[in-house]
Protein backbone atom coordinates (compact mmCIF):
# COMPACT_ATOMS: atom_id res chain seq x y z
CA MET A 1 13.95 6.59 15.57
CA LYS A 2 11.63 5.93 12.69
CA LYS A 3 8.33 7.75 12.46
CA LEU A 4 5.21 5.95 11.36
CA LEU A 5 2.59 7.84 9.41
CA LEU A 6 -0.69 6.04 8.97
CA SER A 7 -4.26 6.94 8.19
CA LEU A 8 -7.09 6.69 10.69
CA LEU A 9 -9.84 4.67 9.05
CA ILE A 10 -13.05 6.36 10.12
CA ALA A 11 -15.99 3.99 10.60
CA SER A 12 -18.96 4.93 8.45
CA SER A 13 -21.78 3.29 6.58
CA SER A 14 -19.89 3.68 3.32
CA PHE A 15 -16.79 2.00 4.77
CA VAL A 16 -18.85 -0.88 6.13
CA SER A 17 -20.19 -1.52 2.64
CA ALA A 18 -16.68 -1.84 1.18
CA GLN A 19 -15.48 -5.35 0.36
CA VAL A 20 -11.91 -6.54 0.78
CA LEU A 21 -10.75 -8.15 -2.47
CA GLN A 22 -7.13 -8.89 -1.54
CA SER A 23 -4.90 -8.03 1.42
CA ASP A 24 -1.62 -9.00 3.06
CA ASP A 25 0.34 -7.74 6.07
CA PHE A 26 3.14 -10.28 5.37
CA GLU A 27 3.22 -11.39 9.04
CA GLY A 28 2.24 -14.96 8.26
CA LEU A 29 5.04 -15.52 5.74
CA ASN A 30 8.51 -16.88 6.40
CA LEU A 31 11.48 -14.53 6.41
CA GLY A 32 13.46 -14.70 3.19
CA ASP A 33 12.54 -15.04 -0.48
CA ILE A 34 8.88 -14.85 -1.50
CA GLY A 35 9.33 -17.52 -4.15
CA THR A 36 11.65 -19.65 -6.25
CA ASN A 37 10.38 -18.76 -9.73
CA LEU A 38 10.98 -15.52 -11.64
CA THR A 39 8.87 -16.31 -14.71
CA GLY A 40 5.45 -15.71 -13.14
CA VAL A 41 4.43 -19.35 -13.57
CA THR A 42 4.69 -20.82 -10.07
CA PRO A 43 3.34 -18.93 -7.03
CA GLY A 44 5.50 -18.48 -3.96
CA GLN A 45 4.61 -17.70 -0.36
CA GLY A 46 1.12 -16.30 0.18
CA GLY A 47 0.16 -17.07 -3.41
CA TRP A 48 2.38 -14.28 -4.74
CA PHE A 49 3.79 -14.60 -8.27
CA THR A 50 7.10 -12.93 -9.18
CA ALA A 51 8.61 -12.08 -12.56
CA ASN A 52 11.71 -10.21 -13.67
CA GLY A 53 12.14 -8.53 -17.02
CA ALA A 54 15.42 -9.04 -18.85
CA GLY A 55 18.25 -6.72 -17.88
CA GLY A 56 20.74 -6.00 -15.14
CA THR A 57 23.04 -8.37 -13.31
CA ASN A 58 21.25 -8.54 -9.95
CA GLY A 59 18.06 -10.36 -10.95
CA SER A 60 17.30 -13.12 -8.42
CA ASN A 61 14.62 -14.41 -6.06
CA SER A 62 16.10 -12.17 -3.38
CA ASN A 63 14.59 -9.19 -5.24
CA TYR A 64 11.37 -10.12 -3.40
CA GLN A 65 11.90 -10.75 0.30
CA ILE A 66 10.08 -10.83 3.61
CA ILE A 67 12.23 -9.02 6.18
CA SER A 68 11.96 -7.81 9.78
CA LEU A 69 14.02 -4.78 10.77
CA ASP A 70 15.06 -4.40 14.41
CA GLY A 71 12.73 -2.03 16.22
CA ASP A 72 10.43 -1.53 13.23
CA PRO A 73 6.85 -1.03 14.49
CA ASN A 74 5.53 -2.58 11.27
CA GLY A 75 7.01 -5.98 12.14
CA GLN A 76 7.56 -8.06 9.01
CA SER A 77 7.33 -6.29 5.67
CA LEU A 78 7.94 -6.84 1.96
CA GLN A 79 11.27 -5.61 0.58
CA LEU A 80 11.55 -5.13 -3.19
CA THR A 81 14.86 -4.58 -4.96
CA GLY A 82 15.08 -2.97 -8.39
CA SER A 83 17.43 -3.55 -11.30
CA ASN A 84 20.99 -2.23 -11.35
CA ALA A 85 20.57 -1.33 -15.02
CA ALA A 86 18.22 0.59 -17.31
CA THR A 87 16.17 -2.56 -17.98
CA GLY A 88 14.86 -5.39 -15.84
CA THR A 89 11.49 -4.34 -14.38
CA ARG A 90 10.18 -6.37 -11.41
CA PHE A 91 6.55 -7.54 -11.04
CA MET A 92 4.74 -9.18 -8.12
CA TRP A 93 1.02 -10.05 -8.04
CA LYS A 94 -1.71 -12.45 -6.96
CA ASP A 95 -4.27 -14.18 -9.16
CA GLY A 96 -8.01 -14.11 -8.53
CA LEU A 97 -8.95 -10.45 -8.83
CA ILE A 98 -11.17 -10.96 -11.88
CA ASP A 99 -13.33 -13.48 -10.01
CA SER A 100 -13.50 -11.52 -6.74
CA TRP A 101 -14.37 -8.33 -8.64
CA ALA A 102 -17.12 -10.12 -10.55
CA GLY A 103 -18.58 -11.29 -7.22
CA ARG A 104 -18.63 -7.89 -5.56
CA THR A 105 -21.78 -6.29 -4.15
CA GLN A 106 -23.84 -4.34 -6.66
CA ASP A 107 -22.78 -0.68 -7.04
CA ASN A 108 -19.36 -1.25 -5.44
CA ASP A 109 -17.77 0.06 -8.63
CA ILE A 110 -14.73 1.83 -7.15
CA ILE A 111 -11.58 -0.21 -6.66
CA GLU A 112 -9.31 1.15 -3.93
CA VAL A 113 -5.73 0.22 -2.99
CA GLU A 114 -3.90 1.24 0.19
CA PHE A 115 -0.49 0.28 1.54
CA ASP A 116 2.30 1.41 3.85
CA PHE A 117 5.57 2.43 2.19
CA ASN A 118 9.09 3.12 3.43
CA PRO A 119 11.69 4.40 0.91
CA LEU A 120 14.59 3.47 3.23
CA GLY A 121 17.84 5.44 2.89
CA ALA A 122 19.26 7.80 0.28
CA SER A 123 20.19 6.40 -3.13
CA THR A 124 21.39 7.58 -6.52
CA SER A 125 19.24 4.96 -8.25
CA LEU A 126 16.65 5.82 -10.89
CA ASN A 127 14.36 2.92 -9.91
CA GLY A 128 10.65 3.62 -9.50
CA PHE A 129 8.54 1.73 -6.93
CA ARG A 130 4.94 1.52 -8.10
CA VAL A 131 1.58 -0.13 -7.50
CA TYR A 132 -0.65 -0.55 -10.55
CA ILE A 133 -4.22 -1.67 -11.19
CA TYR A 134 -4.23 -3.31 -14.62
CA SER A 135 -7.35 -3.80 -16.73
CA ASP A 136 -8.67 -7.21 -17.75
CA ASP A 137 -7.94 -6.38 -21.41
CA THR A 138 -5.38 -8.08 -23.65
CA PRO A 139 -3.00 -6.32 -23.65
CA ALA A 140 -3.73 -4.96 -20.18
CA LEU A 141 -3.92 -1.20 -19.55
CA VAL A 142 -2.74 0.64 -16.44
CA LEU A 143 -6.09 1.93 -15.17
CA ALA A 144 -4.53 3.73 -12.20
CA GLY A 145 -1.41 3.64 -10.09
CA ILE A 146 0.86 5.43 -7.68
CA GLY A 147 4.65 5.41 -7.64
CA ILE A 148 7.67 6.68 -5.80
CA ALA A 149 10.65 7.63 -7.96
CA SER A 150 13.96 7.16 -6.16
CA ASN A 151 15.19 10.21 -8.09
CA ALA A 152 13.32 12.30 -10.65
CA VAL A 153 14.20 15.57 -12.36
CA VAL A 154 11.46 18.19 -12.83
CA ASN A 155 12.42 21.50 -14.44
CA THR A 156 16.13 20.78 -13.81
CA VAL A 157 15.51 20.10 -10.08
CA ASN A 158 16.18 16.60 -8.72
CA TYR A 159 13.64 15.21 -6.25
CA SER A 160 14.36 12.11 -4.18
CA ASN A 161 11.45 9.80 -3.30
CA MET A 162 9.01 11.81 -5.41
CA VAL A 163 5.39 10.61 -5.48
CA GLN A 164 3.75 10.24 -8.90
CA GLY A 165 0.28 9.40 -10.16
CA PHE A 166 -0.29 7.06 -13.12
CA GLY A 167 -3.17 6.54 -15.54
CA HIS A 168 -4.01 5.59 -19.12
CA TRP A 169 -4.91 8.54 -21.35
CA THR A 170 -4.73 9.81 -24.90
CA SER A 171 -2.44 12.81 -25.32
CA THR A 172 0.71 13.90 -27.11
CA PRO A 173 2.56 11.82 -28.28
CA GLY A 174 -0.24 9.21 -28.20
CA THR A 175 -2.30 6.83 -26.09
CA GLY A 176 -0.53 5.14 -23.20
CA THR A 177 0.41 5.24 -19.53
CA TYR A 178 1.23 8.75 -18.33
CA SER A 179 2.69 9.90 -15.01
CA PHE A 180 2.72 13.28 -13.34
CA GLY A 181 3.62 14.81 -9.99
CA LEU A 182 0.93 15.17 -7.35
CA GLY A 183 2.11 18.49 -5.91
CA ALA A 184 0.13 21.70 -6.37
CA THR A 185 2.72 22.99 -8.88
CA ALA A 186 5.83 21.71 -10.65
CA ALA A 187 7.89 23.51 -8.02
CA THR A 188 6.09 21.84 -5.09
CA GLN A 189 6.49 18.13 -5.70
CA ILE A 190 5.43 15.61 -3.04
CA VAL A 191 8.50 13.88 -1.61
CA LEU A 192 8.77 11.26 1.13
CA THR A 193 11.18 11.30 4.06
CA GLU A 194 13.92 8.67 4.17
CA ASN A 195 13.45 5.72 6.54
CA THR A 196 9.89 6.79 7.33
CA TRP A 197 6.67 4.82 6.99
CA VAL A 198 3.73 6.52 5.28
CA ARG A 199 0.36 5.27 4.09
CA LEU A 200 -0.52 5.84 0.45
CA GLY A 201 -3.61 5.05 -1.57
CA PHE A 202 -5.28 5.40 -4.95
CA SER A 203 -8.58 4.41 -6.52
CA PHE A 204 -10.23 3.95 -9.90
CA ASN A 205 -13.92 4.43 -10.62
CA THR A 206 -14.85 1.82 -13.22
CA VAL A 207 -17.99 3.73 -14.24
CA THR A 208 -16.56 7.23 -14.73
CA GLY A 209 -12.81 6.58 -15.08
CA GLU A 210 -12.08 8.97 -12.20
CA ILE A 211 -8.78 8.43 -10.36
CA LYS A 212 -7.95 9.55 -6.82
CA TRP A 213 -4.56 9.63 -5.10
CA LYS A 214 -4.13 10.25 -1.37
CA GLY A 215 -1.29 10.43 1.12
CA PRO A 216 0.55 12.82 3.44
CA ASP A 217 0.04 16.39 2.18
CA PHE A 218 -1.88 15.42 -0.95
CA ASN A 219 -5.42 14.52 -1.98
CA VAL A 220 -5.78 14.65 -5.77
CA THR A 221 -8.72 13.77 -8.02
CA PHE A 222 -8.51 13.55 -11.81
CA ASN A 223 -11.53 13.36 -14.10
CA GLY A 224 -9.75 14.18 -17.35
CA ASN A 225 -9.30 17.44 -19.21
CA VAL A 226 -8.86 18.71 -22.75
CA ASN A 227 -5.25 17.52 -22.87
CA PHE A 228 -5.88 14.19 -21.11
CA PRO A 229 -9.44 13.03 -21.87
CA VAL A 230 -10.72 10.01 -19.94
CA ILE A 231 -10.77 6.91 -22.13
CA THR A 232 -10.97 4.18 -19.47
CA ALA A 233 -14.57 4.65 -18.25
CA GLY A 234 -16.23 1.23 -18.22
CA LYS A 235 -12.96 -0.69 -18.01
CA GLN A 236 -12.75 -3.45 -15.39
CA PRO A 237 -9.77 -4.42 -13.20
CA GLY A 238 -7.91 -7.64 -13.88
CA GLU A 239 -4.83 -7.58 -11.67
CA MET A 240 -2.93 -5.48 -9.12
CA ASP A 241 0.87 -5.50 -9.27
CA PHE A 242 3.74 -4.27 -7.19
CA VAL A 243 6.18 -2.96 -9.82
CA VAL A 244 9.78 -1.76 -9.68
CA ALA A 245 10.64 0.07 -12.90
CA ALA A 246 14.32 0.01 -13.81
CA GLY A 247 14.67 3.64 -14.95
CA THR A 248 16.16 5.13 -18.11
CA GLY A 249 19.92 5.49 -17.70
CA ASN A 250 19.92 3.67 -14.36
CA VAL A 251 23.08 1.93 -13.11
CA VAL A 252 22.30 1.42 -9.39
CA ALA A 253 19.71 -0.81 -7.68
CA ASP A 254 17.49 0.57 -4.92
CA GLU A 255 15.35 -1.06 -2.23
CA ALA A 256 12.07 -0.09 -0.55
CA LEU A 257 9.55 -1.61 1.86
CA PHE A 258 5.80 -2.26 1.50
CA ASP A 259 3.34 -3.42 4.16
CA ASN A 260 -0.33 -3.67 5.16
CA PHE A 261 -1.64 -3.84 1.61
CA VAL A 262 -5.40 -3.92 1.13
CA MET A 263 -7.53 -3.72 -2.02
CA ARG A 264 -11.28 -3.32 -1.81
CA ALA A 265 -14.44 -2.58 -3.79
CA SER A 266 -16.55 0.33 -2.57
CA SER A 267 -19.56 2.36 -3.66
CA THR A 268 -18.10 5.65 -2.35
CA ASP A 269 -14.69 7.12 -1.60
CA THR A 270 -13.32 5.46 1.56
CA LEU A 271 -9.67 5.87 0.58
CA LEU A 272 -7.49 6.45 3.68
CA GLY A 273 -10.59 7.45 5.64
CA THR A 274 -11.79 11.04 5.65
CA ASP A 275 -8.67 12.56 7.18
CA GLU A 276 -4.95 11.90 7.05
CA VAL A 277 -3.53 11.95 10.56
CA VAL A 278 -0.15 11.46 12.15
CA SER A 279 0.00 8.20 14.01
CA ARG A 280 2.52 7.78 16.80
CA ALA A 281 3.47 4.12 16.86
CA ASN A 282 5.32 4.38 20.14
CA ALA A 283 2.49 6.19 21.96
CA PHE A 284 0.89 2.84 22.84
CA SER A 285 2.27 -0.40 24.25
CA VAL A 286 0.74 -3.78 23.43
CA TYR A 287 1.90 -6.75 25.51
CA PRO A 288 2.51 -9.62 25.66
CA ASN A 289 2.99 -10.18 21.95
CA PRO A 290 2.62 -13.00 20.94
CA ALA A 291 -0.27 -13.51 23.37
CA ASN A 292 -2.45 -16.39 24.52
CA ASP A 293 -5.71 -15.45 26.26
CA PHE A 294 -5.24 -11.78 27.11
CA VAL A 295 -3.35 -8.73 25.86
CA LYS A 296 -2.94 -5.31 27.46
CA VAL A 297 -2.93 -1.97 25.65
CA SER A 298 -1.51 0.97 27.58
CA SER A 299 -0.30 4.54 27.13
CA TYR A 300 1.43 6.97 29.48
CA ASP A 301 0.38 10.04 27.50
CA TYR A 302 -3.07 9.34 26.06
CA SER A 303 -6.47 8.08 27.10
CA ILE A 304 -7.38 5.03 25.01
CA ASN A 305 -10.78 5.59 23.43
CA LYS A 306 -11.20 2.63 21.09
CA VAL A 307 -9.42 -0.54 19.99
CA GLU A 308 -10.53 -2.33 16.83
CA MET A 309 -9.09 -5.69 15.82
CA THR A 310 -9.29 -7.12 12.30
CA ASP A 311 -8.13 -10.43 10.86
CA ILE A 312 -5.87 -10.80 7.82
CA ASN A 313 -8.92 -10.58 5.55
CA GLY A 314 -9.87 -7.18 6.93
CA ARG A 315 -12.90 -8.42 8.92
CA VAL A 316 -13.51 -6.71 12.25
CA VAL A 317 -13.40 -9.42 14.94
CA LYS A 318 -13.42 -7.31 18.09
CA THR A 319 -14.17 -3.69 19.07
CA ILE A 320 -13.49 -2.32 22.54
CA SER A 321 -14.53 1.16 23.66
CA ASN A 322 -12.87 2.61 26.74
CA ASN A 323 -11.59 5.82 28.26
CA SER A 324 -8.52 4.95 30.32
CA ASN A 325 -4.75 4.65 30.01
CA GLU A 326 -4.78 0.86 30.14
CA ILE A 327 -7.21 -1.81 29.00
CA GLN A 328 -7.11 -5.60 28.96
CA ILE A 329 -8.54 -7.44 25.95
CA ASP A 330 -9.80 -11.03 26.06
CA LEU A 331 -8.44 -13.03 23.11
CA SER A 332 -9.67 -16.44 24.22
CA ASP A 333 -12.45 -16.50 21.64
CA LEU A 334 -10.12 -15.79 18.70
CA SER A 335 -8.39 -18.38 16.54
CA GLN A 336 -4.62 -18.57 16.34
CA GLY A 337 -3.13 -16.19 13.79
CA VAL A 338 -2.12 -12.62 13.04
CA TYR A 339 -4.43 -9.69 13.76
CA VAL A 340 -4.22 -5.94 13.15
CA MET A 341 -5.07 -3.72 16.11
CA ARG A 342 -6.11 -0.11 15.42
CA ILE A 343 -5.87 2.04 18.53
CA THR A 344 -7.32 5.55 18.83
CA SER A 345 -7.11 7.95 21.75
CA SER A 346 -9.52 10.57 23.05
CA GLU A 347 -6.96 13.14 21.87
CA GLY A 348 -7.18 11.96 18.25
CA VAL A 349 -3.86 10.10 18.16
CA SER A 350 -3.93 6.75 16.36
CA ALA A 351 -1.63 3.78 15.87
CA THR A 352 -1.73 0.43 14.15
CA LYS A 353 -0.16 -2.62 15.80
CA LYS A 354 0.12 -6.23 14.72
CA ILE A 355 -0.45 -8.96 17.28
CA VAL A 356 -0.01 -12.72 17.10
CA LYS A 357 -2.59 -14.89 18.89
CA GLN A 358 -1.00 -18.20 19.88
């Protein structure tokens, strides 16, 4: 059975001040292809644009799909498929970030991105699944990013599903986008477990150029050093992309899943909350789902302390505090649509569930 690792978002004054710029849990989209255009000209479902670089023989609209795996606690999710060659990078993005960033609250100068990721099964592919924040420059710079390499060799050792950080720096051999492992040493790389959901995040401070990366077993901050001086301080974001890099020497395509993406502007670090915790998706039951006027949340093992519901834009629409193994929530005042329910127990266990209000 799949495990689900998620962060517990701790409520605080700094988190309340954060503004959601873009988000998607992919529940409101139809199963199948995101779009019908691979040139980045015509948006598909949910306003997502898709574009394929030249290369490979498997480039098609099915490289970007909404799927629903049997028994998956995340419900519907985004599946991206990479190239089966050494060229043919995939890109997927939404327009509008420049305007929403310009309209943010004063001093919310940190842009944060969080998402759930599942690397699926083992593969020999050299694809790299990444999320980038590009600058509003022409040409655009990669201000910050996080990626998962299907396979990467470090000091002659191959690591599957290795997590990497990305940024734009000046170093040898020149100025450009650099990547590096997020483990404490080269011998302790961060790797993800097959067929397991985790929550990852990164941020970029537009004033200082500082980058943060967070996830299971890592919390890394980079402010530059003598070898990689910060040169992006003052740069502004222009676009966030899901990217699948082909991989030098690659001959096999790989697939991975993304879900519960959110991008926000904040004045302080709210990335993944203050602590990374294990969330047990099957510790709580939510029924019926879909629901009409009422829904029940129950647990055999834990005392339910709090349930927070947010809409697809990240706005909190309902908060229920309790201390029992079962609670009933009135949904009659909510509009039809998809909501995210964050459940926490008195024992510190958390879970995130999606619910459809009919």
